[in-house]
PDB file of N, CA and C in Angstrom:
ATOM      1  N   UNK A   1     -74.625 -73.719   4.862  1.00  0.00           N
ATOM      2  CA  UNK A   1     -73.432 -73.377   5.593  1.00  0.00           C
ATOM      3  C   UNK A   1     -72.845 -72.106   4.980  1.00  0.00           C
ATOM      4  N   UNK A   2     -72.443 -71.181   5.830  1.00  0.00           N
ATOM      5  CA  UNK A   2     -71.795 -69.951   5.389  1.00  0.00           C
ATOM      6  C   UNK A   2     -70.282 -70.140   5.440  1.00  0.00           C
ATOM      7  N   UNK A   3     -69.619 -69.783   4.381  1.00  0.00           N
ATOM      8  CA  UNK A   3     -68.156 -69.902   4.340  1.00  0.00           C
ATOM      9  C   UNK A   3     -67.559 -68.504   4.282  1.00  0.00           C
ATOM     10  N   UNK A   4     -66.688 -68.240   5.215  1.00  0.00           N
ATOM     11  CA  UNK A   4     -66.052 -66.916   5.278  1.00  0.00           C
ATOM     12  C   UNK A   4     -65.013 -66.780   4.173  1.00  0.00           C
ATOM     13  N   UNK A   5     -64.966 -65.601   3.568  1.00  0.00           N
ATOM     14  CA  UNK A   5     -63.904 -65.362   2.588  1.00  0.00           C
ATOM     15  C   UNK A   5     -62.567 -65.169   3.298  1.00  0.00           C
ATOM     16  N   UNK A   6     -61.501 -65.400   2.572  1.00  0.00           N
ATOM     17  CA  UNK A   6     -60.181 -65.162   3.155  1.00  0.00           C
ATOM     18  C   UNK A   6     -59.961 -63.676   3.348  1.00  0.00           C
ATOM     19  N   UNK A   7     -59.046 -63.332   4.221  1.00  0.00           N
ATOM     20  CA  UNK A   7     -58.734 -61.949   4.534  1.00  0.00           C
ATOM     21  C   UNK A   7     -58.258 -61.192   3.303  1.00  0.00           C
ATOM     22  N   UNK A   8     -58.509 -59.896   3.294  1.00  0.00           N
ATOM     23  CA  UNK A   8     -58.031 -59.032   2.219  1.00  0.00           C
ATOM     24  C   UNK A   8     -56.529 -58.779   2.338  1.00  0.00           C
ATOM     25  N   UNK A   9     -55.938 -59.135   3.468  1.00  0.00           N
ATOM     26  CA  UNK A   9     -54.489 -58.965   3.647  1.00  0.00           C
ATOM     27  C   UNK A   9     -53.743 -59.917   2.719  1.00  0.00           C
ATOM     28  N   UNK A  10     -52.827 -59.391   1.930  1.00  0.00           N
ATOM     29  CA  UNK A  10     -52.016 -60.251   1.062  1.00  0.00           C
ATOM     30  C   UNK A  10     -51.108 -61.137   1.909  1.00  0.00           C
ATOM     31  N   UNK A  11     -50.510 -60.560   2.931  1.00  0.00           N
ATOM     32  CA  UNK A  11     -49.646 -61.270   3.879  1.00  0.00           C
ATOM     33  C   UNK A  11     -50.154 -60.976   5.273  1.00  0.00           C
ATOM     34  N   UNK A  12     -50.552 -61.992   6.036  1.00  0.00           N
ATOM     35  CA  UNK A  12     -50.984 -61.728   7.410  1.00  0.00           C
ATOM     36  C   UNK A  12     -49.829 -61.182   8.252  1.00  0.00           C
ATOM     37  N   UNK A  13     -50.152 -60.461   9.289  1.00  0.00           N
ATOM     38  CA  UNK A  13     -49.133 -59.982  10.207  1.00  0.00           C
ATOM     39  C   UNK A  13     -48.537 -61.176  10.944  1.00  0.00           C
ATOM     40  N   UNK A  14     -47.282 -61.086  11.387  1.00  0.00           N
ATOM     41  CA  UNK A  14     -46.597 -62.238  11.993  1.00  0.00           C
ATOM     42  C   UNK A  14     -47.341 -62.890  13.167  1.00  0.00           C
ATOM     43  N   UNK A  15     -48.042 -62.102  13.967  1.00  0.00           N
ATOM     44  CA  UNK A  15     -48.694 -62.672  15.145  1.00  0.00           C
ATOM     45  C   UNK A  15     -50.177 -62.986  14.911  1.00  0.00           C
ATOM     46  N   UNK A  16     -50.626 -62.947  13.658  1.00  0.00           N
ATOM     47  CA  UNK A  16     -52.042 -63.147  13.348  1.00  0.00           C
ATOM     48  C   UNK A  16     -52.259 -64.392  12.501  1.00  0.00           C
ATOM     49  N   UNK A  17     -53.433 -64.951  12.668  1.00  0.00           N
ATOM     50  CA  UNK A  17     -53.878 -66.014  11.785  1.00  0.00           C
ATOM     51  C   UNK A  17     -54.255 -65.409  10.438  1.00  0.00           C
ATOM     52  N   UNK A  18     -54.255 -66.198   9.394  1.00  0.00           N
ATOM     53  CA  UNK A  18     -54.706 -65.690   8.097  1.00  0.00           C
ATOM     54  C   UNK A  18     -56.209 -65.446   8.097  1.00  0.00           C
ATOM     55  N   UNK A  19     -56.890 -65.849   9.171  1.00  0.00           N
ATOM     56  CA  UNK A  19     -58.325 -65.646   9.315  1.00  0.00           C
ATOM     57  C   UNK A  19     -58.631 -64.488  10.266  1.00  0.00           C
ATOM     58  N   UNK A  20     -57.690 -63.569  10.439  1.00  0.00           N
ATOM     59  CA  UNK A  20     -57.871 -62.447  11.360  1.00  0.00           C
ATOM     60  C   UNK A  20     -59.110 -61.621  11.015  1.00  0.00           C
ATOM     61  N   UNK A  21     -59.496 -61.610   9.763  1.00  0.00           N
ATOM     62  CA  UNK A  21     -60.676 -60.833   9.357  1.00  0.00           C
ATOM     63  C   UNK A  21     -61.946 -61.306  10.057  1.00  0.00           C
ATOM     64  N   UNK A  22     -61.976 -62.547  10.485  1.00  0.00           N
ATOM     65  CA  UNK A  22     -63.160 -63.091  11.163  1.00  0.00           C
ATOM     66  C   UNK A  22     -63.253 -62.636  12.618  1.00  0.00           C
ATOM     67  N   UNK A  23     -62.229 -61.992  13.125  1.00  0.00           N
ATOM     68  CA  UNK A  23     -62.231 -61.499  14.496  1.00  0.00           C
ATOM     69  C   UNK A  23     -62.990 -60.171  14.491  1.00  0.00           C
ATOM     70  N   UNK A  24     -64.318 -60.267  14.535  1.00  0.00           N
ATOM     71  CA  UNK A  24     -65.208 -59.111  14.473  1.00  0.00           C
ATOM     72  C   UNK A  24     -65.876 -58.928  15.829  1.00  0.00           C
ATOM     73  N   UNK A  25     -66.649 -57.874  15.963  1.00  0.00           N
ATOM     74  CA  UNK A  25     -67.393 -57.617  17.201  1.00  0.00           C
ATOM     75  C   UNK A  25     -68.865 -57.494  16.859  1.00  0.00           C
ATOM     76  N   UNK A  26     -69.675 -58.407  17.337  1.00  0.00           N
ATOM     77  CA  UNK A  26     -71.121 -58.353  17.118  1.00  0.00           C
ATOM     78  C   UNK A  26     -71.743 -57.433  18.154  1.00  0.00           C
ATOM     79  N   UNK A  27     -72.519 -56.470  17.686  1.00  0.00           N
ATOM     80  CA  UNK A  27     -73.204 -55.545  18.588  1.00  0.00           C
ATOM     81  C   UNK A  27     -74.598 -56.026  18.922  1.00  0.00           C
ATOM     82  N   UNK A  28     -75.243 -56.677  17.983  1.00  0.00           N
ATOM     83  CA  UNK A  28     -76.566 -57.269  18.190  1.00  0.00           C
ATOM     84  C   UNK A  28     -76.764 -58.308  17.085  1.00  0.00           C
ATOM     85  N   UNK A  29     -78.012 -58.703  16.836  1.00  0.00           N
ATOM     86  CA  UNK A  29     -78.285 -59.760  15.860  1.00  0.00           C
ATOM     87  C   UNK A  29     -77.941 -59.365  14.429  1.00  0.00           C
ATOM     88  N   UNK A  30     -77.845 -58.084  14.152  1.00  0.00           N
ATOM     89  CA  UNK A  30     -77.604 -57.624  12.784  1.00  0.00           C
ATOM     90  C   UNK A  30     -76.286 -56.869  12.595  1.00  0.00           C
ATOM     91  N   UNK A  31     -75.921 -56.026  13.557  1.00  0.00           N
ATOM     92  CA  UNK A  31     -74.764 -55.138  13.386  1.00  0.00           C
ATOM     93  C   UNK A  31     -73.464 -55.798  13.823  1.00  0.00           C
ATOM     94  N   UNK A  32     -72.463 -55.706  12.932  1.00  0.00           N
ATOM     95  CA  UNK A  32     -71.156 -56.323  13.167  1.00  0.00           C
ATOM     96  C   UNK A  32     -70.073 -55.298  12.844  1.00  0.00           C
ATOM     97  N   UNK A  33     -69.167 -55.062  13.774  1.00  0.00           N
ATOM     98  CA  UNK A  33     -68.042 -54.161  13.535  1.00  0.00           C
ATOM     99  C   UNK A  33     -66.942 -54.970  12.846  1.00  0.00           C
ATOM    100  N   UNK A  34     -66.494 -54.454  11.718  1.00  0.00           N
ATOM    101  CA  UNK A  34     -65.509 -55.166  10.894  1.00  0.00           C
ATOM    102  C   UNK A  34     -64.441 -54.174  10.414  1.00  0.00           C
ATOM    103  N   UNK A  35     -63.222 -54.667  10.223  1.00  0.00           N
ATOM    104  CA  UNK A  35     -62.133 -53.812   9.749  1.00  0.00           C
ATOM    105  C   UNK A  35     -62.490 -53.262   8.365  1.00  0.00           C
ATOM    106  N   UNK A  36     -62.311 -51.978   8.181  1.00  0.00           N
ATOM    107  CA  UNK A  36     -62.825 -51.306   6.973  1.00  0.00           C
ATOM    108  C   UNK A  36     -62.166 -51.758   5.674  1.00  0.00           C
ATOM    109  N   UNK A  37     -61.004 -52.380   5.728  1.00  0.00           N
ATOM    110  CA  UNK A  37     -60.329 -52.839   4.519  1.00  0.00           C
ATOM    111  C   UNK A  37     -60.724 -54.259   4.108  1.00  0.00           C
ATOM    112  N   UNK A  38     -61.514 -54.920   4.903  1.00  0.00           N
ATOM    113  CA  UNK A  38     -61.891 -56.314   4.625  1.00  0.00           C
ATOM    114  C   UNK A  38     -63.111 -56.386   3.698  1.00  0.00           C
ATOM    115  N   UNK A  39     -62.928 -55.917   2.470  1.00  0.00           N
ATOM    116  CA  UNK A  39     -64.023 -55.859   1.501  1.00  0.00           C
ATOM    117  C   UNK A  39     -64.687 -57.212   1.231  1.00  0.00           C
ATOM    118  N   UNK A  40     -63.920 -58.307   1.064  1.00  0.00           N
ATOM    119  CA  UNK A  40     -64.588 -59.595   0.826  1.00  0.00           C
ATOM    120  C   UNK A  40     -65.529 -59.981   1.979  1.00  0.00           C
ATOM    121  N   UNK A  41     -65.094 -59.760   3.201  1.00  0.00           N
ATOM    122  CA  UNK A  41     -65.924 -60.086   4.356  1.00  0.00           C
ATOM    123  C   UNK A  41     -67.123 -59.140   4.452  1.00  0.00           C
ATOM    124  N   UNK A  42     -66.927 -57.866   4.178  1.00  0.00           N
ATOM    125  CA  UNK A  42     -68.021 -56.897   4.226  1.00  0.00           C
ATOM    126  C   UNK A  42     -69.101 -57.276   3.217  1.00  0.00           C
ATOM    127  N   UNK A  43     -68.707 -57.641   1.999  1.00  0.00           N
ATOM    128  CA  UNK A  43     -69.683 -58.073   0.982  1.00  0.00           C
ATOM    129  C   UNK A  43     -70.429 -59.321   1.439  1.00  0.00           C
ATOM    130  N   UNK A  44     -69.685 -60.278   1.995  1.00  0.00           N
ATOM    131  CA  UNK A  44     -70.318 -61.523   2.459  1.00  0.00           C
ATOM    132  C   UNK A  44     -71.309 -61.240   3.589  1.00  0.00           C
ATOM    133  N   UNK A  45     -70.927 -60.408   4.544  1.00  0.00           N
ATOM    134  CA  UNK A  45     -71.828 -60.090   5.656  1.00  0.00           C
ATOM    135  C   UNK A  45     -73.113 -59.446   5.147  1.00  0.00           C
ATOM    136  N   UNK A  46     -72.986 -58.530   4.193  1.00  0.00           N
ATOM    137  CA  UNK A  46     -74.184 -57.900   3.606  1.00  0.00           C
ATOM    138  C   UNK A  46     -75.060 -58.944   2.918  1.00  0.00           C
ATOM    139  N   UNK A  47     -74.442 -59.839   2.161  1.00  0.00           N
ATOM    140  CA  UNK A  47     -75.190 -60.899   1.475  1.00  0.00           C
ATOM    141  C   UNK A  47     -75.934 -61.788   2.460  1.00  0.00           C
ATOM    142  N   UNK A  48     -75.370 -61.974   3.640  1.00  0.00           N
ATOM    143  CA  UNK A  48     -75.970 -62.833   4.647  1.00  0.00           C
ATOM    144  C   UNK A  48     -76.985 -62.100   5.529  1.00  0.00           C
ATOM    145  N   UNK A  49     -77.231 -60.814   5.239  1.00  0.00           N
ATOM    146  CA  UNK A  49     -78.242 -60.063   5.975  1.00  0.00           C
ATOM    147  C   UNK A  49     -77.740 -59.272   7.169  1.00  0.00           C
ATOM    148  N   UNK A  50     -76.437 -59.152   7.313  1.00  0.00           N
ATOM    149  CA  UNK A  50     -75.876 -58.367   8.415  1.00  0.00           C
ATOM    150  C   UNK A  50     -75.647 -56.929   7.985  1.00  0.00           C
ATOM    151  N   UNK A  51     -75.440 -56.063   8.943  1.00  0.00           N
ATOM    152  CA  UNK A  51     -75.121 -54.661   8.709  1.00  0.00           C
ATOM    153  C   UNK A  51     -73.691 -54.416   9.187  1.00  0.00           C
ATOM    154  N   UNK A  52     -72.708 -54.534   8.304  1.00  0.00           N
ATOM    155  CA  UNK A  52     -71.322 -54.305   8.721  1.00  0.00           C
ATOM    156  C   UNK A  52     -71.079 -52.834   9.034  1.00  0.00           C
ATOM    157  N   UNK A  53     -70.389 -52.589  10.114  1.00  0.00           N
ATOM    158  CA  UNK A  53     -69.965 -51.243  10.493  1.00  0.00           C
ATOM    159  C   UNK A  53     -68.461 -51.202  10.293  1.00  0.00           C
ATOM    160  N   UNK A  54     -68.018 -50.403   9.337  1.00  0.00           N
ATOM    161  CA  UNK A  54     -66.601 -50.329   8.997  1.00  0.00           C
ATOM    162  C   UNK A  54     -65.859 -49.478  10.028  1.00  0.00           C
ATOM    163  N   UNK A  55     -64.712 -49.983  10.443  1.00  0.00           N
ATOM    164  CA  UNK A  55     -63.901 -49.248  11.405  1.00  0.00           C
ATOM    165  C   UNK A  55     -62.425 -49.527  11.117  1.00  0.00           C
ATOM    166  N   UNK A  56     -61.632 -48.485  11.137  1.00  0.00           N
ATOM    167  CA  UNK A  56     -60.198 -48.637  10.920  1.00  0.00           C
ATOM    168  C   UNK A  56     -59.567 -49.263  12.160  1.00  0.00           C
ATOM    169  N   UNK A  57     -58.945 -50.422  11.989  1.00  0.00           N
ATOM    170  CA  UNK A  57     -58.393 -51.122  13.152  1.00  0.00           C
ATOM    171  C   UNK A  57     -57.187 -51.972  12.777  1.00  0.00           C
ATOM    172  N   UNK A  58     -56.670 -51.787  11.562  1.00  0.00           N
ATOM    173  CA  UNK A  58     -55.598 -52.637  11.073  1.00  0.00           C
ATOM    174  C   UNK A  58     -54.357 -52.594  11.963  1.00  0.00           C
ATOM    175  N   UNK A  59     -54.057 -51.446  12.556  1.00  0.00           N
ATOM    176  CA  UNK A  59     -52.881 -51.328  13.404  1.00  0.00           C
ATOM    177  C   UNK A  59     -52.883 -52.263  14.595  1.00  0.00           C
ATOM    178  N   UNK A  60     -54.056 -52.621  15.084  1.00  0.00           N
ATOM    179  CA  UNK A  60     -54.136 -53.538  16.225  1.00  0.00           C
ATOM    180  C   UNK A  60     -53.716 -54.950  15.836  1.00  0.00           C
ATOM    181  N   UNK A  61     -53.848 -55.309  14.553  1.00  0.00           N
ATOM    182  CA  UNK A  61     -53.461 -56.644  14.102  1.00  0.00           C
ATOM    183  C   UNK A  61     -51.996 -56.946  14.391  1.00  0.00           C
ATOM    184  N   UNK A  62     -51.178 -55.912  14.438  1.00  0.00           N
ATOM    185  CA  UNK A  62     -49.756 -56.113  14.740  1.00  0.00           C
ATOM    186  C   UNK A  62     -49.543 -56.793  16.083  1.00  0.00           C
ATOM    187  N   UNK A  63     -50.517 -56.640  16.983  1.00  0.00           N
ATOM    188  CA  UNK A  63     -50.407 -57.226  18.322  1.00  0.00           C
ATOM    189  C   UNK A  63     -51.083 -58.593  18.404  1.00  0.00           C
ATOM    190  N   UNK A  64     -51.577 -59.095  17.287  1.00  0.00           N
ATOM    191  CA  UNK A  64     -52.126 -60.444  17.249  1.00  0.00           C
ATOM    192  C   UNK A  64     -53.609 -60.553  17.503  1.00  0.00           C
ATOM    193  N   UNK A  65     -54.361 -59.499  17.290  1.00  0.00           N
ATOM    194  CA  UNK A  65     -55.793 -59.589  17.519  1.00  0.00           C
ATOM    195  C   UNK A  65     -56.569 -58.580  16.714  1.00  0.00           C
ATOM    196  N   UNK A  66     -57.853 -58.510  17.000  1.00  0.00           N
ATOM    197  CA  UNK A  66     -58.730 -57.544  16.332  1.00  0.00           C
ATOM    198  C   UNK A  66     -59.870 -57.186  17.289  1.00  0.00           C
ATOM    199  N   UNK A  67     -61.025 -56.846  16.759  1.00  0.00           N
ATOM    200  CA  UNK A  67     -62.116 -56.288  17.565  1.00  0.00           C
ATOM    201  C   UNK A  67     -62.533 -57.156  18.745  1.00  0.00           C
ATOM    202  N   UNK A  68     -62.748 -58.432  18.505  1.00  0.00           N
ATOM    203  CA  UNK A  68     -63.227 -59.294  19.592  1.00  0.00           C
ATOM    204  C   UNK A  68     -62.193 -59.391  20.708  1.00  0.00           C
ATOM    205  N   UNK A  69     -60.930 -59.447  20.331  1.00  0.00           N
ATOM    206  CA  UNK A  69     -59.850 -59.546  21.320  1.00  0.00           C
ATOM    207  C   UNK A  69     -59.636 -58.241  22.085  1.00  0.00           C
ATOM    208  N   UNK A  70     -59.969 -57.132  21.467  1.00  0.00           N
ATOM    209  CA  UNK A  70     -59.653 -55.829  22.053  1.00  0.00           C
ATOM    210  C   UNK A  70     -60.818 -55.178  22.784  1.00  0.00           C
ATOM    211  N   UNK A  71     -61.943 -55.849  22.881  1.00  0.00           N
ATOM    212  CA  UNK A  71     -63.111 -55.252  23.526  1.00  0.00           C
ATOM    213  C   UNK A  71     -63.540 -56.080  24.732  1.00  0.00           C
ATOM    214  N   UNK A  72     -64.293 -55.444  25.592  1.00  0.00           N
ATOM    215  CA  UNK A  72     -64.768 -56.076  26.813  1.00  0.00           C
ATOM    216  C   UNK A  72     -66.142 -55.514  27.136  1.00  0.00           C
ATOM    217  N   UNK A  73     -67.057 -56.365  27.534  1.00  0.00           N
ATOM    218  CA  UNK A  73     -68.378 -55.900  27.942  1.00  0.00           C
ATOM    219  C   UNK A  73     -68.241 -54.971  29.136  1.00  0.00           C
ATOM    220  N   UNK A  74     -68.949 -53.866  29.124  1.00  0.00           N
ATOM    221  CA  UNK A  74     -68.895 -52.946  30.256  1.00  0.00           C
ATOM    222  C   UNK A  74     -70.168 -53.015  31.096  1.00  0.00           C
ATOM    223  N   UNK A  75     -71.224 -53.568  30.545  1.00  0.00           N
ATOM    224  CA  UNK A  75     -72.463 -53.760  31.298  1.00  0.00           C
ATOM    225  C   UNK A  75     -72.903 -55.202  31.161  1.00  0.00           C
ATOM    226  N   UNK A  76     -73.292 -55.749  32.260  1.00  0.00           N
ATOM    227  CA  UNK A  76     -73.789 -57.123  32.251  1.00  0.00           C
ATOM    228  C   UNK A  76     -75.013 -57.215  33.124  1.00  0.00           C
ATOM    229  N   UNK A  77     -75.879 -58.132  32.802  1.00  0.00           N
ATOM    230  CA  UNK A  77     -77.070 -58.373  33.611  1.00  0.00           C
ATOM    231  C   UNK A  77     -76.788 -59.518  34.574  1.00  0.00           C
ATOM    232  N   UNK A  78     -77.527 -59.530  35.666  1.00  0.00           N
ATOM    233  CA  UNK A  78     -77.371 -60.613  36.621  1.00  0.00           C
ATOM    234  C   UNK A  78     -76.505 -60.207  37.790  1.00  0.00           C
ATOM    235  N   UNK A  79     -76.208 -61.174  38.607  1.00  0.00           N
ATOM    236  CA  UNK A  79     -75.443 -60.900  39.820  1.00  0.00           C
ATOM    237  C   UNK A  79     -73.943 -61.005  39.575  1.00  0.00           C
ATOM    238  N   UNK A  80     -73.195 -60.348  40.420  1.00  0.00           N
ATOM    239  CA  UNK A  80     -71.748 -60.394  40.355  1.00  0.00           C
ATOM    240  C   UNK A  80     -71.287 -61.790  40.800  1.00  0.00           C
ATOM    241  N   UNK A  81     -70.440 -62.441  39.976  1.00  0.00           N
ATOM    242  CA  UNK A  81     -69.934 -63.764  40.317  1.00  0.00           C
ATOM    243  C   UNK A  81     -68.429 -63.797  40.154  1.00  0.00           C
ATOM    244  N   UNK A  82     -67.781 -64.565  40.979  1.00  0.00           N
ATOM    245  CA  UNK A  82     -66.355 -64.776  40.845  1.00  0.00           C
ATOM    246  C   UNK A  82     -66.123 -66.071  40.071  1.00  0.00           C
ATOM    247  N   UNK A  83     -65.204 -66.058  39.143  1.00  0.00           N
ATOM    248  CA  UNK A  83     -64.877 -67.253  38.373  1.00  0.00           C
ATOM    249  C   UNK A  83     -63.543 -67.853  38.832  1.00  0.00           C
ATOM    250  N   UNK A  84     -63.057 -67.384  39.970  1.00  0.00           N
ATOM    251  CA  UNK A  84     -61.813 -67.904  40.505  1.00  0.00           C
ATOM    252  C   UNK A  84     -62.040 -68.659  41.776  1.00  0.00           C
TER     253      UNK A  84
END
């Protein structure tokens, strides 16, 4: 079992979980976009065989999210479907 390290933030932002560092964006099986200040998580990802891509994104945490919350797929395979 892999255990995520706690965030490098001493105090989480008011609208964020203390686990905000885990809100990453996976690009493929190896590459993961991670906030550049999250050194404990970056070290852990490397140890687990991932390729962390550091990106400055701390300012978005003020709004209660991070990479996964702020991104959207722009290309999808398959047919167009309505979920409503």
